[in-house]
């Protein structure tokens, strides 16, 4: 089956169970959310629970759970869509920076077992002390 033809039945159940199917495969298949960018192997959609204005998700059209499962072509496509989305966000929201990240596995906070990359625009003053960025998600083992 071609990657862009992923069907709901091919995806395992979502952690929070979206009618027994993968939420992101459903979004890809049914286009039930605004698509803000797309290429042959990825789509980009606004995050449904944004942490900042412009928060977007980059989702591979093929159902996989981790970055390590991306093919070389998908890695290239990820880089391409990331550039496109950051350009769009720069034009629309003019953020001062970005956090780009992935939650892999339940212990890391992944709630939908379909790989998705968060692109989170950051704005000067949006947190009291931004130093350390994503290092602030849990207590460090050693001082930073």
N, C-alpha and C. Protein backbone atom coordinates (compact mmCIF):
# COMPACT_ATOMS: atom_id res chain seq x y z
N UNK A 1 0.85 -1.18 0.00
CA UNK A 1 0.00 0.00 0.00
C UNK A 1 0.88 1.24 0.00
N UNK A 2 0.58 2.18 -0.84
CA UNK A 2 1.31 3.44 -0.90
C UNK A 2 1.15 4.19 0.41
N UNK A 3 2.23 4.85 0.86
CA UNK A 3 2.21 5.51 2.17
C UNK A 3 1.07 6.51 2.32
N UNK A 4 0.74 7.23 1.26
CA UNK A 4 -0.32 8.23 1.39
C UNK A 4 -1.71 7.60 1.39
N UNK A 5 -1.77 6.27 1.22
CA UNK A 5 -3.05 5.59 1.20
C UNK A 5 -3.30 4.83 2.50
N UNK A 6 -2.64 5.24 3.60
CA UNK A 6 -2.84 4.57 4.88
C UNK A 6 -4.32 4.56 5.23
N UNK A 7 -4.83 3.42 5.59
CA UNK A 7 -6.22 3.29 5.98
C UNK A 7 -6.32 3.07 7.48
N UNK A 8 -7.42 3.44 8.07
CA UNK A 8 -7.62 3.31 9.50
C UNK A 8 -7.40 1.89 9.99
N UNK A 9 -7.84 0.90 9.27
CA UNK A 9 -7.73 -0.48 9.72
C UNK A 9 -6.29 -0.92 9.87
N UNK A 10 -5.34 -0.23 9.24
CA UNK A 10 -3.93 -0.59 9.32
C UNK A 10 -3.26 -0.07 10.58
N UNK A 11 -3.93 0.73 11.37
CA UNK A 11 -3.33 1.38 12.52
C UNK A 11 -3.79 0.74 13.82
N UNK A 12 -2.87 0.61 14.77
CA UNK A 12 -3.27 0.07 16.07
C UNK A 12 -4.13 1.07 16.83
N UNK A 13 -4.86 0.61 17.86
CA UNK A 13 -5.70 1.53 18.64
C UNK A 13 -4.87 2.64 19.29
N UNK A 14 -5.44 3.79 19.36
CA UNK A 14 -4.85 4.94 20.01
C UNK A 14 -4.97 4.76 21.52
N UNK A 15 -4.03 5.34 22.27
CA UNK A 15 -4.06 5.22 23.72
C UNK A 15 -5.41 5.65 24.28
N UNK A 16 -5.94 6.79 23.82
CA UNK A 16 -7.22 7.29 24.32
C UNK A 16 -8.39 6.78 23.50
N UNK A 17 -8.12 5.90 22.54
CA UNK A 17 -9.09 5.26 21.69
C UNK A 17 -9.98 6.25 20.95
N UNK A 18 -9.67 6.48 19.71
CA UNK A 18 -10.46 7.32 18.83
C UNK A 18 -11.26 6.39 17.93
N UNK A 19 -12.42 6.00 18.37
CA UNK A 19 -13.29 5.07 17.65
C UNK A 19 -12.52 3.79 17.28
N UNK A 20 -11.56 3.40 18.13
CA UNK A 20 -10.81 2.19 17.89
C UNK A 20 -9.71 2.32 16.86
N UNK A 21 -9.41 3.54 16.42
CA UNK A 21 -8.43 3.74 15.37
C UNK A 21 -7.43 4.83 15.76
N UNK A 22 -6.34 4.90 15.02
CA UNK A 22 -5.32 5.91 15.26
C UNK A 22 -5.83 7.30 14.87
N UNK A 23 -5.75 8.22 15.80
CA UNK A 23 -6.21 9.58 15.57
C UNK A 23 -5.51 10.22 14.37
N UNK A 24 -4.19 10.08 14.29
CA UNK A 24 -3.46 10.76 13.22
C UNK A 24 -3.69 10.10 11.87
N UNK A 25 -3.84 8.77 11.83
CA UNK A 25 -4.19 8.11 10.57
C UNK A 25 -5.56 8.59 10.09
N UNK A 26 -6.46 8.80 11.03
CA UNK A 26 -7.79 9.31 10.70
C UNK A 26 -7.70 10.72 10.13
N UNK A 27 -6.88 11.55 10.76
CA UNK A 27 -6.70 12.93 10.26
C UNK A 27 -6.13 12.90 8.85
N UNK A 28 -5.14 12.05 8.62
CA UNK A 28 -4.52 11.94 7.29
C UNK A 28 -5.54 11.44 6.27
N UNK A 29 -6.26 10.40 6.64
CA UNK A 29 -7.19 9.76 5.72
C UNK A 29 -8.42 10.62 5.43
N UNK A 30 -8.96 11.24 6.47
CA UNK A 30 -10.22 11.97 6.34
C UNK A 30 -10.07 13.48 6.20
N UNK A 31 -8.86 13.98 6.45
CA UNK A 31 -8.61 15.43 6.37
C UNK A 31 -9.58 16.20 7.26
N UNK A 32 -9.72 15.73 8.51
CA UNK A 32 -10.70 16.34 9.41
C UNK A 32 -10.13 17.50 10.22
N UNK A 33 -8.92 17.90 9.95
CA UNK A 33 -8.34 19.10 10.55
C UNK A 33 -7.73 19.94 9.45
N UNK A 34 -7.58 21.22 9.72
CA UNK A 34 -6.91 22.10 8.78
C UNK A 34 -5.49 21.59 8.53
N UNK A 35 -5.11 21.47 7.28
CA UNK A 35 -3.75 21.08 6.91
C UNK A 35 -3.01 22.36 6.56
N UNK A 36 -1.93 22.65 7.30
CA UNK A 36 -1.19 23.90 7.07
C UNK A 36 0.08 23.67 6.25
N UNK A 37 0.36 22.43 5.92
CA UNK A 37 1.49 22.11 5.06
C UNK A 37 1.44 20.63 4.73
N UNK A 38 2.00 20.30 3.57
CA UNK A 38 1.99 18.90 3.16
C UNK A 38 3.04 18.66 2.10
N UNK A 39 3.64 17.50 2.16
CA UNK A 39 4.46 17.03 1.05
C UNK A 39 4.09 15.57 0.82
N UNK A 40 4.87 14.87 0.03
CA UNK A 40 4.54 13.50 -0.35
C UNK A 40 4.42 12.57 0.85
N UNK A 41 5.19 12.81 1.93
CA UNK A 41 5.28 11.86 3.02
C UNK A 41 4.81 12.38 4.38
N UNK A 42 4.54 13.68 4.49
CA UNK A 42 4.14 14.29 5.76
C UNK A 42 2.99 15.26 5.55
N UNK A 43 2.22 15.45 6.63
CA UNK A 43 1.29 16.57 6.69
C UNK A 43 1.62 17.37 7.95
N UNK A 44 1.21 18.61 7.96
CA UNK A 44 1.35 19.47 9.14
C UNK A 44 -0.03 20.03 9.47
N UNK A 45 -0.36 19.96 10.75
CA UNK A 45 -1.65 20.46 11.23
C UNK A 45 -1.42 21.27 12.50
N UNK A 46 -2.32 22.20 12.81
CA UNK A 46 -2.22 22.89 14.10
C UNK A 46 -2.42 21.89 15.23
N UNK A 47 -1.68 22.07 16.33
CA UNK A 47 -1.88 21.21 17.49
C UNK A 47 -3.25 21.52 18.09
N UNK A 48 -3.99 20.47 18.44
CA UNK A 48 -5.33 20.63 19.02
C UNK A 48 -5.27 21.20 20.45
N UNK A 49 -4.12 21.02 21.12
CA UNK A 49 -3.91 21.53 22.48
C UNK A 49 -2.62 22.35 22.49
N UNK A 50 -2.61 23.50 21.82
CA UNK A 50 -1.37 24.25 21.66
C UNK A 50 -0.82 24.81 22.97
N UNK A 51 0.52 24.82 23.05
CA UNK A 51 1.17 25.43 24.20
C UNK A 51 1.61 26.86 23.89
N UNK A 52 1.54 27.24 22.61
CA UNK A 52 1.79 28.62 22.21
C UNK A 52 1.09 28.87 20.88
N UNK A 53 0.96 30.14 20.54
CA UNK A 53 0.31 30.51 19.29
C UNK A 53 1.13 29.97 18.11
N UNK A 54 0.50 29.18 17.25
CA UNK A 54 1.16 28.64 16.08
C UNK A 54 1.68 27.22 16.26
N UNK A 55 1.53 26.62 17.44
CA UNK A 55 2.01 25.26 17.71
C UNK A 55 1.47 24.30 16.64
N UNK A 56 2.39 23.60 15.97
CA UNK A 56 2.02 22.71 14.87
C UNK A 56 2.57 21.31 15.10
N UNK A 57 1.96 20.34 14.43
CA UNK A 57 2.41 18.96 14.45
C UNK A 57 2.78 18.53 13.04
N UNK A 58 3.93 17.89 12.90
CA UNK A 58 4.35 17.31 11.63
C UNK A 58 4.15 15.81 11.77
N UNK A 59 3.35 15.22 10.89
CA UNK A 59 2.93 13.83 11.04
C UNK A 59 3.26 13.05 9.77
N UNK A 60 4.03 11.95 9.91
CA UNK A 60 4.28 11.13 8.72
C UNK A 60 2.99 10.45 8.27
N UNK A 61 2.83 10.34 6.97
CA UNK A 61 1.63 9.69 6.44
C UNK A 61 1.64 8.19 6.67
N UNK A 62 2.82 7.63 6.86
CA UNK A 62 2.94 6.20 7.17
C UNK A 62 2.84 6.03 8.67
N UNK A 63 2.09 5.06 9.13
CA UNK A 63 1.92 4.85 10.57
C UNK A 63 3.17 4.20 11.16
N UNK A 64 3.93 4.99 11.90
CA UNK A 64 5.09 4.52 12.65
C UNK A 64 5.07 5.23 13.99
N UNK A 65 5.83 4.71 14.95
CA UNK A 65 5.79 5.29 16.30
C UNK A 65 7.02 6.12 16.66
N UNK A 66 8.17 5.87 15.99
CA UNK A 66 9.42 6.51 16.42
C UNK A 66 10.20 7.11 15.26
N UNK A 67 11.08 8.04 15.58
CA UNK A 67 11.97 8.63 14.59
C UNK A 67 12.85 7.58 13.93
N UNK A 68 13.30 6.60 14.70
CA UNK A 68 14.20 5.56 14.18
C UNK A 68 13.56 4.76 13.05
N UNK A 69 12.25 4.77 12.97
CA UNK A 69 11.54 4.03 11.92
C UNK A 69 11.43 4.80 10.61
N UNK A 70 11.78 6.09 10.62
CA UNK A 70 11.71 6.87 9.39
C UNK A 70 12.71 6.33 8.36
N UNK A 71 12.27 6.27 7.12
CA UNK A 71 13.16 5.89 6.03
C UNK A 71 14.03 7.11 5.69
N UNK A 72 15.12 6.91 4.95
CA UNK A 72 15.90 8.08 4.51
C UNK A 72 15.05 9.10 3.75
N UNK A 73 14.15 8.64 2.90
CA UNK A 73 13.28 9.58 2.17
C UNK A 73 12.37 10.35 3.12
N UNK A 74 11.86 9.67 4.16
CA UNK A 74 11.01 10.35 5.13
C UNK A 74 11.81 11.37 5.94
N UNK A 75 13.07 11.07 6.23
CA UNK A 75 13.91 12.04 6.96
C UNK A 75 14.07 13.32 6.13
N UNK A 76 14.30 13.15 4.84
CA UNK A 76 14.42 14.32 3.95
C UNK A 76 13.10 15.08 3.92
N UNK A 77 11.99 14.36 3.77
CA UNK A 77 10.67 15.00 3.72
C UNK A 77 10.37 15.72 5.02
N UNK A 78 10.80 15.17 6.16
CA UNK A 78 10.61 15.83 7.45
C UNK A 78 11.36 17.17 7.47
N UNK A 79 12.61 17.15 7.03
CA UNK A 79 13.38 18.40 6.97
C UNK A 79 12.72 19.44 6.07
N UNK A 80 12.19 18.98 4.95
CA UNK A 80 11.54 19.90 4.00
C UNK A 80 10.30 20.52 4.60
N UNK A 81 9.44 19.70 5.23
CA UNK A 81 8.19 20.25 5.77
C UNK A 81 8.48 21.12 6.99
N UNK A 82 9.50 20.79 7.75
CA UNK A 82 9.88 21.63 8.89
C UNK A 82 10.25 23.04 8.40
N UNK A 83 11.05 23.12 7.34
CA UNK A 83 11.41 24.44 6.79
C UNK A 83 10.17 25.20 6.33
N UNK A 84 9.28 24.52 5.63
CA UNK A 84 8.07 25.16 5.11
C UNK A 84 7.21 25.70 6.26
N UNK A 85 7.03 24.88 7.30
CA UNK A 85 6.17 25.29 8.42
C UNK A 85 6.81 26.42 9.21
N UNK A 86 8.11 26.36 9.46
CA UNK A 86 8.75 27.45 10.18
C UNK A 86 8.66 28.75 9.38
N UNK A 87 8.81 28.68 8.07
CA UNK A 87 8.67 29.89 7.23
C UNK A 87 7.26 30.45 7.37
N UNK A 88 6.27 29.58 7.30
CA UNK A 88 4.88 30.02 7.44
C UNK A 88 4.63 30.64 8.82
N UNK A 89 5.11 29.97 9.86
CA UNK A 89 4.92 30.49 11.22
C UNK A 89 5.67 31.80 11.42
N UNK A 90 6.85 31.93 10.84
CA UNK A 90 7.59 33.19 10.92
C UNK A 90 6.79 34.33 10.30
N UNK A 91 6.19 34.06 9.14
CA UNK A 91 5.40 35.08 8.45
C UNK A 91 4.12 35.43 9.20
N UNK A 92 3.46 34.42 9.76
CA UNK A 92 2.16 34.63 10.40
C UNK A 92 2.26 35.13 11.84
N UNK A 93 3.24 34.61 12.61
CA UNK A 93 3.28 34.90 14.04
C UNK A 93 4.55 35.61 14.51
N UNK A 94 5.61 35.62 13.68
CA UNK A 94 6.88 36.25 14.02
C UNK A 94 7.41 35.83 15.40
N UNK A 95 7.56 34.53 15.64
CA UNK A 95 8.08 34.10 16.94
C UNK A 95 9.55 34.47 17.09
N UNK A 96 10.02 34.45 18.33
CA UNK A 96 11.41 34.77 18.62
C UNK A 96 12.30 33.53 18.63
N UNK A 97 11.71 32.34 18.60
CA UNK A 97 12.46 31.10 18.61
C UNK A 97 11.51 29.93 18.49
N UNK A 98 12.07 28.72 18.57
CA UNK A 98 11.27 27.50 18.46
C UNK A 98 11.79 26.43 19.40
N UNK A 99 10.89 25.58 19.84
CA UNK A 99 11.23 24.28 20.38
C UNK A 99 10.66 23.29 19.38
N UNK A 100 11.48 22.35 18.94
CA UNK A 100 11.05 21.30 18.03
C UNK A 100 11.35 19.99 18.74
N UNK A 101 10.33 19.16 18.94
CA UNK A 101 10.57 17.95 19.70
C UNK A 101 9.60 16.83 19.45
N UNK A 102 9.99 15.67 19.98
CA UNK A 102 9.23 14.44 19.81
C UNK A 102 9.10 13.76 21.17
N UNK A 103 7.92 13.27 21.47
CA UNK A 103 7.70 12.42 22.63
C UNK A 103 7.62 10.99 22.11
N UNK A 104 8.56 10.14 22.49
CA UNK A 104 8.55 8.75 22.05
C UNK A 104 8.31 7.83 23.23
N UNK A 105 7.22 7.14 23.21
CA UNK A 105 6.88 6.21 24.28
C UNK A 105 6.06 6.87 25.37
N UNK A 106 5.28 6.05 26.04
CA UNK A 106 4.40 6.53 27.10
C UNK A 106 5.17 7.23 28.21
N UNK A 107 6.36 6.72 28.57
CA UNK A 107 7.16 7.32 29.63
C UNK A 107 7.62 8.73 29.27
N UNK A 108 7.69 9.02 27.97
CA UNK A 108 8.09 10.35 27.51
C UNK A 108 6.89 11.24 27.23
N UNK A 109 5.70 10.73 27.48
CA UNK A 109 4.49 11.55 27.30
C UNK A 109 3.78 11.36 25.98
N UNK A 110 4.18 10.39 25.17
CA UNK A 110 3.50 10.16 23.89
C UNK A 110 2.12 9.58 24.17
N UNK A 111 1.06 10.28 23.74
CA UNK A 111 -0.30 9.82 23.98
C UNK A 111 -0.96 9.25 22.74
N UNK A 112 -0.41 9.55 21.57
CA UNK A 112 -0.88 8.96 20.32
C UNK A 112 0.30 8.18 19.75
N UNK A 113 0.19 6.85 19.64
CA UNK A 113 1.33 6.05 19.21
C UNK A 113 1.58 6.10 17.70
N UNK A 114 1.55 7.29 17.16
CA UNK A 114 1.87 7.56 15.76
C UNK A 114 2.84 8.74 15.85
N UNK A 115 4.05 8.57 15.31
CA UNK A 115 5.06 9.62 15.39
C UNK A 115 4.49 10.97 15.00
N UNK A 116 4.81 11.98 15.77
CA UNK A 116 4.47 13.35 15.43
C UNK A 116 5.51 14.27 16.06
N UNK A 117 5.89 15.28 15.32
CA UNK A 117 6.93 16.21 15.74
C UNK A 117 6.26 17.54 16.08
N UNK A 118 6.49 18.01 17.29
CA UNK A 118 5.93 19.29 17.73
C UNK A 118 6.84 20.42 17.25
N UNK A 119 6.25 21.44 16.65
CA UNK A 119 6.95 22.66 16.30
C UNK A 119 6.28 23.76 17.11
N UNK A 120 6.99 24.21 18.15
CA UNK A 120 6.40 25.13 19.11
C UNK A 120 7.07 26.49 19.02
N UNK A 121 6.38 27.47 18.45
CA UNK A 121 6.94 28.82 18.42
C UNK A 121 7.10 29.35 19.84
N UNK A 122 8.19 30.07 20.06
CA UNK A 122 8.45 30.65 21.37
C UNK A 122 8.55 32.16 21.22
N UNK A 123 8.11 32.85 22.25
CA UNK A 123 8.05 34.30 22.23
C UNK A 123 8.79 34.86 23.43
N UNK A 124 9.54 35.92 23.22
CA UNK A 124 10.28 36.55 24.31
C UNK A 124 9.31 36.83 25.46
N UNK A 125 9.67 36.36 26.65
CA UNK A 125 8.85 36.60 27.83
C UNK A 125 7.74 35.58 28.05
N UNK A 126 7.61 34.56 27.20
CA UNK A 126 6.51 33.60 27.39
C UNK A 126 6.72 32.71 28.62
N UNK A 127 7.94 32.61 29.10
CA UNK A 127 8.24 31.98 30.38
C UNK A 127 9.26 32.86 31.09
N UNK A 128 9.29 32.77 32.40
CA UNK A 128 10.18 33.63 33.17
C UNK A 128 11.64 33.41 32.81
N UNK A 129 12.08 32.16 32.74
CA UNK A 129 13.47 31.85 32.43
C UNK A 129 13.54 30.73 31.40
N UNK A 130 13.75 31.08 30.11
CA UNK A 130 13.76 30.05 29.08
C UNK A 130 15.07 29.26 28.99
N UNK A 131 16.11 29.70 29.68
CA UNK A 131 17.42 29.02 29.58
C UNK A 131 17.26 27.53 29.87
N UNK A 132 17.83 26.72 29.01
CA UNK A 132 17.73 25.27 29.16
C UNK A 132 16.64 24.66 28.32
N UNK A 133 15.69 25.48 27.84
CA UNK A 133 14.64 25.00 26.94
C UNK A 133 13.99 23.71 27.39
N UNK A 134 14.09 22.68 26.56
CA UNK A 134 13.43 21.41 26.86
C UNK A 134 14.05 20.70 28.04
N UNK A 135 15.22 21.14 28.49
CA UNK A 135 15.82 20.55 29.68
C UNK A 135 14.93 20.77 30.91
N UNK A 136 14.01 21.70 30.84
CA UNK A 136 13.16 22.04 31.98
C UNK A 136 11.94 21.13 32.11
N UNK A 137 11.82 20.09 31.29
CA UNK A 137 10.64 19.22 31.40
C UNK A 137 10.72 18.31 32.61
N UNK A 138 11.92 18.09 33.13
CA UNK A 138 12.07 17.31 34.36
C UNK A 138 13.34 17.76 35.06
N UNK A 139 13.45 17.42 36.31
CA UNK A 139 14.62 17.81 37.10
C UNK A 139 15.87 17.18 36.51
N UNK A 140 16.91 17.99 36.33
CA UNK A 140 18.17 17.52 35.75
C UNK A 140 18.92 16.61 36.71
N UNK A 141 19.69 15.69 36.15
CA UNK A 141 20.53 14.83 36.96
C UNK A 141 21.74 15.60 37.51
N UNK A 142 22.20 16.59 36.75
CA UNK A 142 23.31 17.45 37.17
C UNK A 142 22.92 18.89 36.88
N UNK A 143 23.46 19.86 37.62
CA UNK A 143 23.11 21.26 37.37
C UNK A 143 23.47 21.69 35.95
N UNK A 144 22.63 22.53 35.38
CA UNK A 144 22.87 23.04 34.03
C UNK A 144 23.34 24.47 34.10
